[in-house]
Amino acid sequence: MVVVSGRSNRHVAAICEHLVTDMKDEGFGAPRVEGLEAGDWVLIDTGDIIIHVFRPEIREFYNIEKMWAAPEVGEETLH
């Protein structure tokens, strides 16, 4: 999983368009893309890699990194 920030909706969309174009040009096929129209949070699913591209405010709000972080020592874990 890759998590990236863009400075604005336009920047997020440009990052995603370049990534998708580069993946196609390198022979990785066409990834599935969600959220490109709004440009707040775009998900690019390549099959093996998931790329999240956020505006900073959206990234901070959802805090996706925390969902995937290893628990700290001393924290209770779910079994």
Protein backbone atom coordinates (compact mmCIF):
# COMPACT_ATOMS: atom_id res chain seq x y z
CA MET A 1 0.00 0.00 0.00
CA VAL A 2 1.26 3.46 -0.91
CA VAL A 3 -0.14 6.65 0.65
CA VAL A 4 0.55 9.99 -1.05
CA SER A 5 -0.57 13.60 -0.56
CA GLY A 6 -1.25 16.24 -3.17
CA ARG A 7 -1.57 19.94 -2.39
CA SER A 8 -5.00 20.45 -4.01
CA ASN A 9 -7.74 18.62 -5.92
CA ARG A 10 -5.99 19.47 -9.17
CA HIS A 11 -2.62 18.25 -7.87
CA VAL A 12 -4.16 14.97 -6.62
CA ALA A 13 -5.78 14.40 -10.02
CA ALA A 14 -2.51 15.19 -11.86
CA ILE A 15 -0.53 12.77 -9.67
CA CYS A 16 -3.07 10.03 -10.36
CA GLU A 17 -3.22 10.67 -14.10
CA HIS A 18 0.58 10.47 -14.31
CA LEU A 19 0.69 7.27 -12.25
CA VAL A 20 -1.96 5.58 -14.39
CA THR A 21 -0.26 6.67 -17.62
CA ASP A 22 3.15 5.49 -16.38
CA MET A 23 1.73 2.11 -15.32
CA LYS A 24 0.13 1.61 -18.73
CA ASP A 25 3.33 2.69 -20.52
CA GLU A 26 5.39 0.22 -18.47
CA GLY A 27 3.07 -2.64 -19.40
CA PHE A 28 1.25 -3.05 -16.10
CA GLY A 29 -2.18 -2.66 -17.71
CA ALA A 30 -4.97 -0.32 -16.71
CA PRO A 31 -5.51 -0.07 -12.94
CA ARG A 32 -8.94 0.50 -11.42
CA VAL A 33 -9.36 4.11 -10.28
CA GLU A 34 -11.97 5.52 -7.88
CA GLY A 35 -12.52 9.14 -6.83
CA LEU A 36 -10.63 10.90 -9.61
CA GLU A 37 -13.56 13.20 -10.43
CA ALA A 38 -13.61 14.80 -6.97
CA GLY A 39 -9.85 14.74 -6.39
CA ASP A 40 -10.10 14.60 -2.60
CA TRP A 41 -9.14 10.95 -2.15
CA VAL A 42 -8.27 8.80 -5.14
CA LEU A 43 -7.76 5.07 -4.89
CA ILE A 44 -5.70 3.32 -7.58
CA ASP A 45 -5.92 -0.47 -7.47
CA THR A 46 -3.28 -2.23 -9.57
CA GLY A 47 -4.13 -5.65 -8.22
CA ASP A 48 -0.84 -6.08 -6.33
CA ILE A 49 -0.50 -2.50 -5.08
CA ILE A 50 -3.11 -0.11 -3.68
CA ILE A 51 -2.28 3.59 -3.98
CA HIS A 52 -4.18 6.23 -1.98
CA VAL A 53 -3.70 9.85 -3.06
CA PHE A 54 -5.20 12.41 -0.68
CA ARG A 55 -5.52 16.13 -0.20
CA PRO A 56 -3.78 16.86 3.17
CA GLU A 57 -7.04 17.66 5.02
CA ILE A 58 -8.67 14.43 3.85
CA ARG A 59 -5.57 12.38 4.70
CA GLU A 60 -5.50 13.83 8.20
CA PHE A 61 -9.25 13.26 8.71
CA TYR A 62 -9.22 9.57 7.70
CA ASN A 63 -5.77 8.84 9.18
CA ILE A 64 -5.49 5.69 7.08
CA GLU A 65 -1.93 5.03 8.23
CA LYS A 66 -3.19 4.43 11.79
CA MET A 67 -5.52 1.67 10.57
CA TRP A 68 -2.56 -0.24 9.15
CA ALA A 69 0.03 0.55 11.82
CA ALA A 70 1.38 -2.14 14.09
CA PRO A 71 0.13 -1.81 17.67
CA GLU A 72 2.52 -0.12 20.06
CA VAL A 73 4.08 -2.17 22.83
CA GLY A 74 1.66 -2.30 25.73
CA GLU A 75 -1.44 -1.72 23.58
CA GLU A 76 -4.13 -4.35 23.70
CA THR A 77 -4.51 -6.27 20.47
CA LEU A 78 -7.63 -7.92 19.08
CA HIS A 79 -7.55 -11.69 19.01
